[in-house]
Amino acid sequence: MVETFLLLQTFRAQMVRHITDLQINTVMLAGIGQETSF
C-alpha cells in the first residue's frame, strides 16, 4: 500500500516536471518565433 502511494507520488512528480518542461519549451519556441518574424 505504501509502495503504491510512493509510486504514484513519483509518477505525479515526473508528470508535473514533464508538463513544466513542455510549457517552458513552448514559451521559448514562441519567443524565437516572434524574434524571427520581425
N, C-alpha and C. Protein backbone atom coordinates (compact mmCIF):
# COMPACT_ATOMS: atom_id res chain seq x y z
N MET A 1 0.84 -1.20 0.00
CA MET A 1 0.00 0.00 0.00
C MET A 1 0.88 1.25 0.00
N VAL A 2 1.86 1.28 0.90
CA VAL A 2 2.75 2.44 0.96
C VAL A 2 3.58 2.53 -0.32
N GLU A 3 4.01 1.37 -0.83
CA GLU A 3 4.82 1.37 -2.05
C GLU A 3 4.03 1.94 -3.22
N THR A 4 2.75 1.57 -3.31
CA THR A 4 1.90 2.08 -4.39
C THR A 4 1.76 3.59 -4.27
N PHE A 5 1.60 4.08 -3.05
CA PHE A 5 1.46 5.52 -2.82
C PHE A 5 2.72 6.24 -3.27
N LEU A 6 3.88 5.71 -2.88
CA LEU A 6 5.14 6.34 -3.26
C LEU A 6 5.31 6.31 -4.78
N LEU A 7 4.89 5.20 -5.39
CA LEU A 7 4.99 5.08 -6.84
C LEU A 7 4.14 6.15 -7.52
N LEU A 8 2.92 6.36 -6.99
CA LEU A 8 2.04 7.37 -7.55
C LEU A 8 2.63 8.76 -7.37
N GLN A 9 3.21 9.02 -6.22
CA GLN A 9 3.82 10.32 -5.95
C GLN A 9 4.97 10.58 -6.93
N THR A 10 5.79 9.56 -7.15
CA THR A 10 6.91 9.69 -8.08
C THR A 10 6.40 9.93 -9.50
N PHE A 11 5.38 9.17 -9.88
CA PHE A 11 4.81 9.31 -11.22
C PHE A 11 4.24 10.71 -11.41
N ARG A 12 3.52 11.20 -10.39
CA ARG A 12 2.92 12.53 -10.47
C ARG A 12 4.02 13.59 -10.58
N ALA A 13 5.09 13.43 -9.81
CA ALA A 13 6.19 14.40 -9.85
C ALA A 13 6.82 14.42 -11.24
N GLN A 14 6.98 13.25 -11.84
CA GLN A 14 7.55 13.18 -13.19
C GLN A 14 6.63 13.83 -14.21
N MET A 15 5.32 13.63 -14.06
CA MET A 15 4.36 14.22 -14.98
C MET A 15 4.40 15.74 -14.87
N VAL A 16 4.43 16.24 -13.64
CA VAL A 16 4.47 17.69 -13.43
C VAL A 16 5.73 18.27 -14.05
N ARG A 17 6.86 17.58 -13.84
CA ARG A 17 8.12 18.07 -14.40
C ARG A 17 8.05 18.06 -15.93
N HIS A 18 7.47 17.01 -16.50
CA HIS A 18 7.35 16.88 -17.94
C HIS A 18 6.48 18.00 -18.50
N ILE A 19 5.35 18.27 -17.85
CA ILE A 19 4.44 19.32 -18.30
C ILE A 19 5.13 20.68 -18.20
N THR A 20 5.87 20.89 -17.13
CA THR A 20 6.58 22.17 -16.95
C THR A 20 7.61 22.34 -18.06
N ASP A 21 8.34 21.27 -18.37
CA ASP A 21 9.32 21.33 -19.45
C ASP A 21 8.64 21.68 -20.77
N LEU A 22 7.48 21.07 -21.03
CA LEU A 22 6.75 21.35 -22.27
C LEU A 22 6.34 22.81 -22.32
N GLN A 23 5.86 23.34 -21.20
CA GLN A 23 5.45 24.74 -21.16
C GLN A 23 6.63 25.66 -21.41
N ILE A 24 7.77 25.36 -20.80
CA ILE A 24 8.97 26.17 -21.00
C ILE A 24 9.40 26.12 -22.46
N ASN A 25 9.39 24.93 -23.05
CA ASN A 25 9.77 24.78 -24.46
C ASN A 25 8.83 25.57 -25.35
N THR A 26 7.53 25.53 -25.06
CA THR A 26 6.55 26.26 -25.85
C THR A 26 6.80 27.75 -25.77
N VAL A 27 7.06 28.25 -24.57
CA VAL A 27 7.33 29.68 -24.39
C VAL A 27 8.59 30.08 -25.13
N MET A 28 9.62 29.25 -25.04
CA MET A 28 10.87 29.56 -25.73
C MET A 28 10.67 29.56 -27.24
N LEU A 29 9.94 28.57 -27.75
CA LEU A 29 9.68 28.50 -29.18
C LEU A 29 8.87 29.70 -29.64
N ALA A 30 7.88 30.10 -28.83
CA ALA A 30 7.07 31.26 -29.16
C ALA A 30 7.94 32.51 -29.19
N GLY A 31 8.85 32.63 -28.24
CA GLY A 31 9.76 33.77 -28.20
C GLY A 31 10.66 33.80 -29.43
N ILE A 32 11.18 32.64 -29.82
CA ILE A 32 12.05 32.56 -31.01
C ILE A 32 11.24 32.92 -32.25
N GLY A 33 10.01 32.43 -32.32
CA GLY A 33 9.16 32.72 -33.48
C GLY A 33 8.89 34.21 -33.60
N GLN A 34 8.66 34.88 -32.48
CA GLN A 34 8.40 36.31 -32.51
C GLN A 34 9.64 37.08 -32.93
N GLU A 35 10.80 36.63 -32.46
CA GLU A 35 12.04 37.33 -32.81
C GLU A 35 12.32 37.23 -34.31
N THR A 36 12.06 36.06 -34.89
CA THR A 36 12.39 35.85 -36.30
C THR A 36 11.34 36.48 -37.22
N SER A 37 10.12 36.70 -36.70
CA SER A 37 9.06 37.22 -37.56
C SER A 37 9.20 38.72 -37.78
N PHE A 38 9.94 39.40 -36.88
CA PHE A 38 10.06 40.85 -37.04
C PHE A 38 11.24 41.22 -37.92
